[in-house]
Amino acid sequence: MPTIYALGDIHGHLAQLETALAWIEGDGGPNAQIVFLGDYIDRGPDSRAVIELLSQGLAEGRNWTCLKGNHDGYLIDFLANGRAESLLRPDLHWFDKPLGGAATLKSYGVEVEGKPISGVVEETRGAVPEAHKVFLDALPCSYETETHFFCHAGIRPGVAFLDQVELDLTWIRNEFLNDTRDHGKLIVHGHTAVNFPAHAGNRVNLDGGTGFGRPLYPGVFEDGQVWVLTEAGRERLEPKAAKESA
């Protein structure tokens, strides 16, 4: 397998993304293959700029694969159907502070406070550039190699990769995180924040908590080994038990 770099949840933090991309270019050159694991928006201040950078990179033909995260799904649903509740998780409202949807709309110049939802939807549809809508609508939920399976949240254990569904690929937690079996390929995911990327043996979690103010550390997958890129260069990521929280 060629060297693949992967980035977990960015959550609207442009400066962290730019730093991580600079580390990747310094390690693997300008044509490095990168898989982005989703959750480009919400919580942070620069969701629009993050989407612009990623969509422009794809348009320029960079060797990038951008996957869909559950937070990205909220903006997609909001633009298409005017809903701030995902059909996949109707119990959660996008504008609630933990999810951070209002911060995303603010980055597009749309204020949520004190406005009817219909007005916010109309403003948002006019504020989000067409190129961003095309980018969001085209996001796949997974990327697979002979040895690795990349997705946002994880997989449903015991279900074939081809039969995995969006709800699990973008939302699953405990059923996947607590399963220690060999899934046939190393699963590379984000979605559940940890203090630092973690290797659990059958999976690697790259959500290092950028949405909560921590650095964005790229993962490096090469010759069956895993590293994390930091300012100082590669740091070997060895399998060990990891404590994770939502």
Protein backbone atom coordinates (compact mmCIF):
# COMPACT_ATOMS: atom_id res chain seq x y z
CA MET A 1 0.00 0.00 0.00
CA PRO A 2 1.33 3.47 -0.81
CA THR A 3 1.79 5.88 2.07
CA ILE A 4 -1.56 7.36 3.09
CA TYR A 5 -2.03 10.32 5.39
CA ALA A 6 -5.33 10.78 7.19
CA LEU A 7 -6.86 13.67 9.09
CA GLY A 8 -9.62 13.42 11.65
CA ASP A 9 -12.28 15.92 12.70
CA ILE A 10 -11.37 19.52 11.76
CA HIS A 11 -14.51 21.24 13.07
CA GLY A 12 -14.01 24.63 11.48
CA HIS A 13 -10.43 25.21 12.61
CA LEU A 14 -8.68 26.50 9.51
CA ALA A 15 -5.35 27.33 11.15
CA GLN A 16 -5.04 23.80 12.53
CA LEU A 17 -5.84 22.36 9.10
CA GLU A 18 -3.23 24.53 7.39
CA THR A 19 -0.61 23.51 9.95
CA ALA A 20 -1.43 19.81 9.53
CA LEU A 21 -1.26 20.09 5.74
CA ALA A 22 2.15 21.78 6.02
CA TRP A 23 3.40 18.90 8.19
CA ILE A 24 2.11 16.39 5.64
CA GLU A 25 3.78 18.21 2.74
CA GLY A 26 7.03 18.34 4.69
CA ASP A 27 6.88 14.59 5.30
CA GLY A 28 5.41 13.30 2.04
CA GLY A 29 5.67 16.10 -0.51
CA PRO A 30 2.99 18.15 -2.30
CA ASN A 31 1.39 15.11 -3.95
CA ALA A 32 0.87 13.09 -0.77
CA GLN A 33 -2.31 11.04 -0.65
CA ILE A 34 -4.62 12.31 2.09
CA VAL A 35 -7.91 10.90 3.35
CA PHE A 36 -10.03 13.38 5.33
CA LEU A 37 -12.36 11.61 7.76
CA GLY A 38 -15.19 14.14 7.85
CA ASP A 39 -16.61 16.70 10.30
CA TYR A 40 -15.19 19.70 8.51
CA ILE A 41 -17.69 22.08 10.10
CA ASP A 42 -19.31 23.15 13.40
CA ARG A 43 -17.93 24.43 16.72
CA GLY A 44 -14.90 26.26 15.28
CA PRO A 45 -14.98 29.75 13.70
CA ASP A 46 -13.89 29.00 10.13
CA SER A 47 -16.14 26.28 8.71
CA ARG A 48 -16.65 28.15 5.45
CA ALA A 49 -12.90 28.58 4.95
CA VAL A 50 -12.27 24.88 5.68
CA ILE A 51 -14.83 23.83 3.07
CA GLU A 52 -13.33 26.31 0.62
CA LEU A 53 -9.82 24.93 1.09
CA LEU A 54 -10.91 21.32 0.69
CA SER A 55 -13.23 21.88 -2.26
CA GLN A 56 -10.59 23.98 -4.02
CA GLY A 57 -7.97 21.30 -3.42
CA LEU A 58 -10.19 18.68 -5.03
CA ALA A 59 -10.90 21.02 -7.94
CA GLU A 60 -7.15 21.42 -8.45
CA GLY A 61 -6.75 17.65 -8.68
CA ARG A 62 -4.97 17.03 -5.41
CA ASN A 63 -4.67 13.41 -4.29
CA TRP A 64 -7.32 13.91 -1.63
CA THR A 65 -10.36 11.90 -0.57
CA CYS A 66 -12.91 13.74 1.56
CA LEU A 67 -15.35 11.56 3.51
CA LYS A 68 -18.67 12.52 5.08
CA GLY A 69 -19.00 13.08 8.82
CA ASN A 70 -22.18 13.33 10.83
CA HIS A 71 -21.74 17.08 11.31
CA ASP A 72 -21.37 17.61 7.57
CA GLY A 73 -24.66 15.76 7.18
CA TYR A 74 -26.46 18.45 9.18
CA LEU A 75 -25.53 21.19 6.72
CA ILE A 76 -26.42 18.93 3.79
CA ASP A 77 -29.87 18.22 5.29
CA PHE A 78 -30.41 21.87 6.19
CA LEU A 79 -29.71 23.05 2.66
CA ALA A 80 -31.76 20.31 1.01
CA ASN A 81 -34.71 19.98 3.36
CA GLY A 82 -34.67 22.93 5.75
CA ARG A 83 -34.23 20.66 8.78
CA ALA A 84 -31.99 21.32 11.75
CA GLU A 85 -32.55 17.74 12.95
CA SER A 86 -30.89 14.93 11.04
CA LEU A 87 -33.16 12.12 9.90
CA LEU A 88 -30.43 9.80 11.15
CA ARG A 89 -30.51 11.32 14.66
CA PRO A 90 -33.76 13.30 15.09
CA ASP A 91 -33.13 13.63 18.84
CA LEU A 92 -30.28 16.08 18.28
CA HIS A 93 -30.76 19.68 17.10
CA TRP A 94 -28.01 21.18 14.97
CA PHE A 95 -28.21 24.60 16.64
CA ASP A 96 -27.72 23.17 20.15
CA LYS A 97 -24.40 24.37 21.54
CA PRO A 98 -22.73 20.92 21.75
CA LEU A 99 -23.22 20.40 18.01
CA GLY A 100 -22.22 23.93 17.01
CA GLY A 101 -24.29 24.48 13.87
CA ALA A 102 -24.80 28.16 14.62
CA ALA A 103 -21.03 28.70 14.39
CA THR A 104 -21.02 27.17 10.92
CA LEU A 105 -23.82 29.43 9.69
CA LYS A 106 -22.10 32.46 11.23
CA SER A 107 -19.02 31.68 9.14
CA TYR A 108 -21.28 32.09 6.10
CA GLY A 109 -22.65 35.39 7.46
CA VAL A 110 -25.94 33.95 8.69
CA GLU A 111 -27.09 34.64 12.25
CA VAL A 112 -29.46 32.17 13.89
CA GLU A 113 -30.53 33.96 17.07
CA GLY A 114 -34.09 35.28 17.13
CA LYS A 115 -35.00 34.26 13.59
CA PRO A 116 -37.62 31.79 12.36
CA ILE A 117 -36.11 28.63 10.92
CA SER A 118 -37.61 29.35 7.50
CA GLY A 119 -35.73 32.64 7.31
CA VAL A 120 -32.46 31.04 8.38
CA VAL A 121 -32.87 28.34 5.74
CA GLU A 122 -33.48 30.92 3.01
CA GLU A 123 -30.47 32.99 4.05
CA THR A 124 -28.24 29.92 4.23
CA ARG A 125 -29.21 28.68 0.79
CA GLY A 126 -28.22 32.06 -0.62
CA ALA A 127 -25.01 32.34 1.40
CA VAL A 128 -23.43 28.93 0.76
CA PRO A 129 -21.56 28.97 -2.59
CA GLU A 130 -22.65 26.44 -5.20
CA ALA A 131 -19.19 24.87 -5.19
CA HIS A 132 -19.57 24.13 -1.48
CA LYS A 133 -22.96 22.52 -2.04
CA VAL A 134 -21.51 20.33 -4.79
CA PHE A 135 -18.60 19.36 -2.53
CA LEU A 136 -20.89 18.41 0.35
CA ASP A 137 -23.35 16.47 -1.80
CA ALA A 138 -20.54 14.38 -3.31
CA LEU A 139 -18.96 13.23 -0.04
CA PRO A 140 -18.67 9.42 0.18
CA CYS A 141 -18.97 7.66 3.54
CA SER A 142 -15.91 5.42 3.23
CA TYR A 143 -12.65 4.75 1.43
CA GLU A 144 -11.07 1.31 1.24
CA THR A 145 -7.69 -0.18 0.36
CA GLU A 146 -6.54 -3.80 0.49
CA THR A 147 -5.53 -3.39 4.12
CA HIS A 148 -7.35 -0.32 5.51
CA PHE A 149 -10.93 0.93 5.76
CA PHE A 150 -11.40 4.67 6.32
CA CYS A 151 -14.66 6.18 7.59
CA HIS A 152 -15.83 8.89 9.94
CA ALA A 153 -17.25 7.07 12.97
CA GLY A 154 -16.62 3.35 12.51
CA ILE A 155 -18.32 0.22 11.25
CA ARG A 156 -21.02 -2.16 12.42
CA PRO A 157 -18.95 -5.15 13.63
CA GLY A 158 -19.71 -8.38 11.82
CA VAL A 159 -21.22 -6.65 8.78
CA ALA A 160 -19.39 -6.80 5.45
CA PHE A 161 -17.78 -3.55 4.35
CA LEU A 162 -20.01 -3.36 1.27
CA ASP A 163 -23.09 -3.65 3.48
CA GLN A 164 -22.20 -0.89 5.93
CA VAL A 165 -24.81 1.90 6.10
CA GLU A 166 -24.45 5.65 6.50
CA LEU A 167 -25.95 5.72 10.00
CA ASP A 168 -23.15 3.51 11.30
CA LEU A 169 -20.35 4.93 9.17
CA THR A 170 -21.09 8.46 10.39
CA TRP A 171 -22.61 7.97 13.86
CA ILE A 172 -21.69 4.64 15.51
CA ARG A 173 -19.84 4.64 18.82
CA ASN A 174 -19.99 2.06 21.61
CA GLU A 175 -20.90 -1.01 19.56
CA PHE A 176 -17.80 -0.36 17.45
CA LEU A 177 -15.44 1.12 20.02
CA ASN A 178 -15.97 -1.73 22.48
CA ASP A 179 -15.50 -4.49 19.89
CA THR A 180 -12.00 -5.95 19.98
CA ARG A 181 -12.29 -8.43 17.12
CA ASP A 182 -10.17 -8.27 13.97
CA HIS A 183 -12.35 -6.61 11.31
CA GLY A 184 -10.24 -7.96 8.45
CA LYS A 185 -8.74 -4.53 7.79
CA LEU A 186 -7.47 -1.77 10.05
CA ILE A 187 -10.33 0.69 10.58
CA VAL A 188 -9.26 4.34 10.53
CA HIS A 189 -11.84 6.71 11.99
CA GLY A 190 -12.56 9.87 13.98
CA HIS A 191 -15.85 11.05 15.53
CA THR A 192 -15.11 10.18 19.17
CA ALA A 193 -12.71 12.66 20.73
CA VAL A 194 -9.57 11.52 22.54
CA ASN A 195 -6.73 13.59 23.96
CA PHE A 196 -4.34 12.29 21.29
CA PRO A 197 -4.74 9.88 18.35
CA ALA A 198 -4.98 6.30 19.58
CA HIS A 199 -4.28 2.84 18.13
CA ALA A 200 -6.53 0.15 19.61
CA GLY A 201 -5.11 -2.72 17.55
CA ASN A 202 -8.08 -3.25 15.23
CA ARG A 203 -8.69 0.46 14.66
CA VAL A 204 -7.03 3.87 14.82
CA ASN A 205 -8.90 6.90 16.17
CA LEU A 206 -7.63 10.18 14.71
CA ASP A 207 -10.10 12.52 16.41
CA GLY A 208 -7.64 14.18 18.75
CA GLY A 209 -10.20 16.73 19.91
CA THR A 210 -9.57 19.63 17.52
CA GLY A 211 -13.22 20.61 17.96
CA PHE A 212 -12.44 21.17 21.64
CA GLY A 213 -9.27 23.18 21.14
CA ARG A 214 -6.62 20.48 20.77
CA PRO A 215 -4.16 20.18 17.84
CA LEU A 216 -5.00 18.39 14.59
CA TYR A 217 -2.53 15.53 14.22
CA PRO A 218 -2.30 13.65 10.90
CA GLY A 219 -1.99 9.89 10.90
CA VAL A 220 0.54 8.20 8.60
CA PHE A 221 -0.10 4.67 7.31
CA GLU A 222 2.86 3.02 5.62
CA ASP A 223 4.12 -0.58 5.30
CA GLY A 224 1.69 -1.83 7.93
CA GLN A 225 2.86 0.72 10.50
CA VAL A 226 1.15 3.79 11.96
CA TRP A 227 2.66 7.12 12.91
CA VAL A 228 1.31 10.49 14.01
CA LEU A 229 2.79 13.65 12.55
CA THR A 230 3.66 16.43 14.97
CA GLU A 231 5.74 19.58 14.70
CA ALA A 232 8.79 17.44 15.49
CA GLY A 233 8.03 14.88 12.78
CA ARG A 234 6.77 11.28 12.92
CA GLU A 235 5.85 9.68 16.23
CA ARG A 236 5.19 5.94 16.19
CA LEU A 237 1.66 5.03 17.26
CA GLU A 238 1.64 1.66 18.96
CA PRO A 239 -1.51 -0.35 19.73
CA LYS A 240 -2.80 0.03 23.27
CA ALA A 241 -6.09 0.26 25.12
CA ALA A 242 -7.72 3.68 24.68
CA LYS A 243 -10.29 5.48 26.82
CA GLU A 244 -12.67 7.41 24.63
CA SER A 245 -15.59 9.73 25.28
CA ALA A 246 -18.18 11.40 23.06
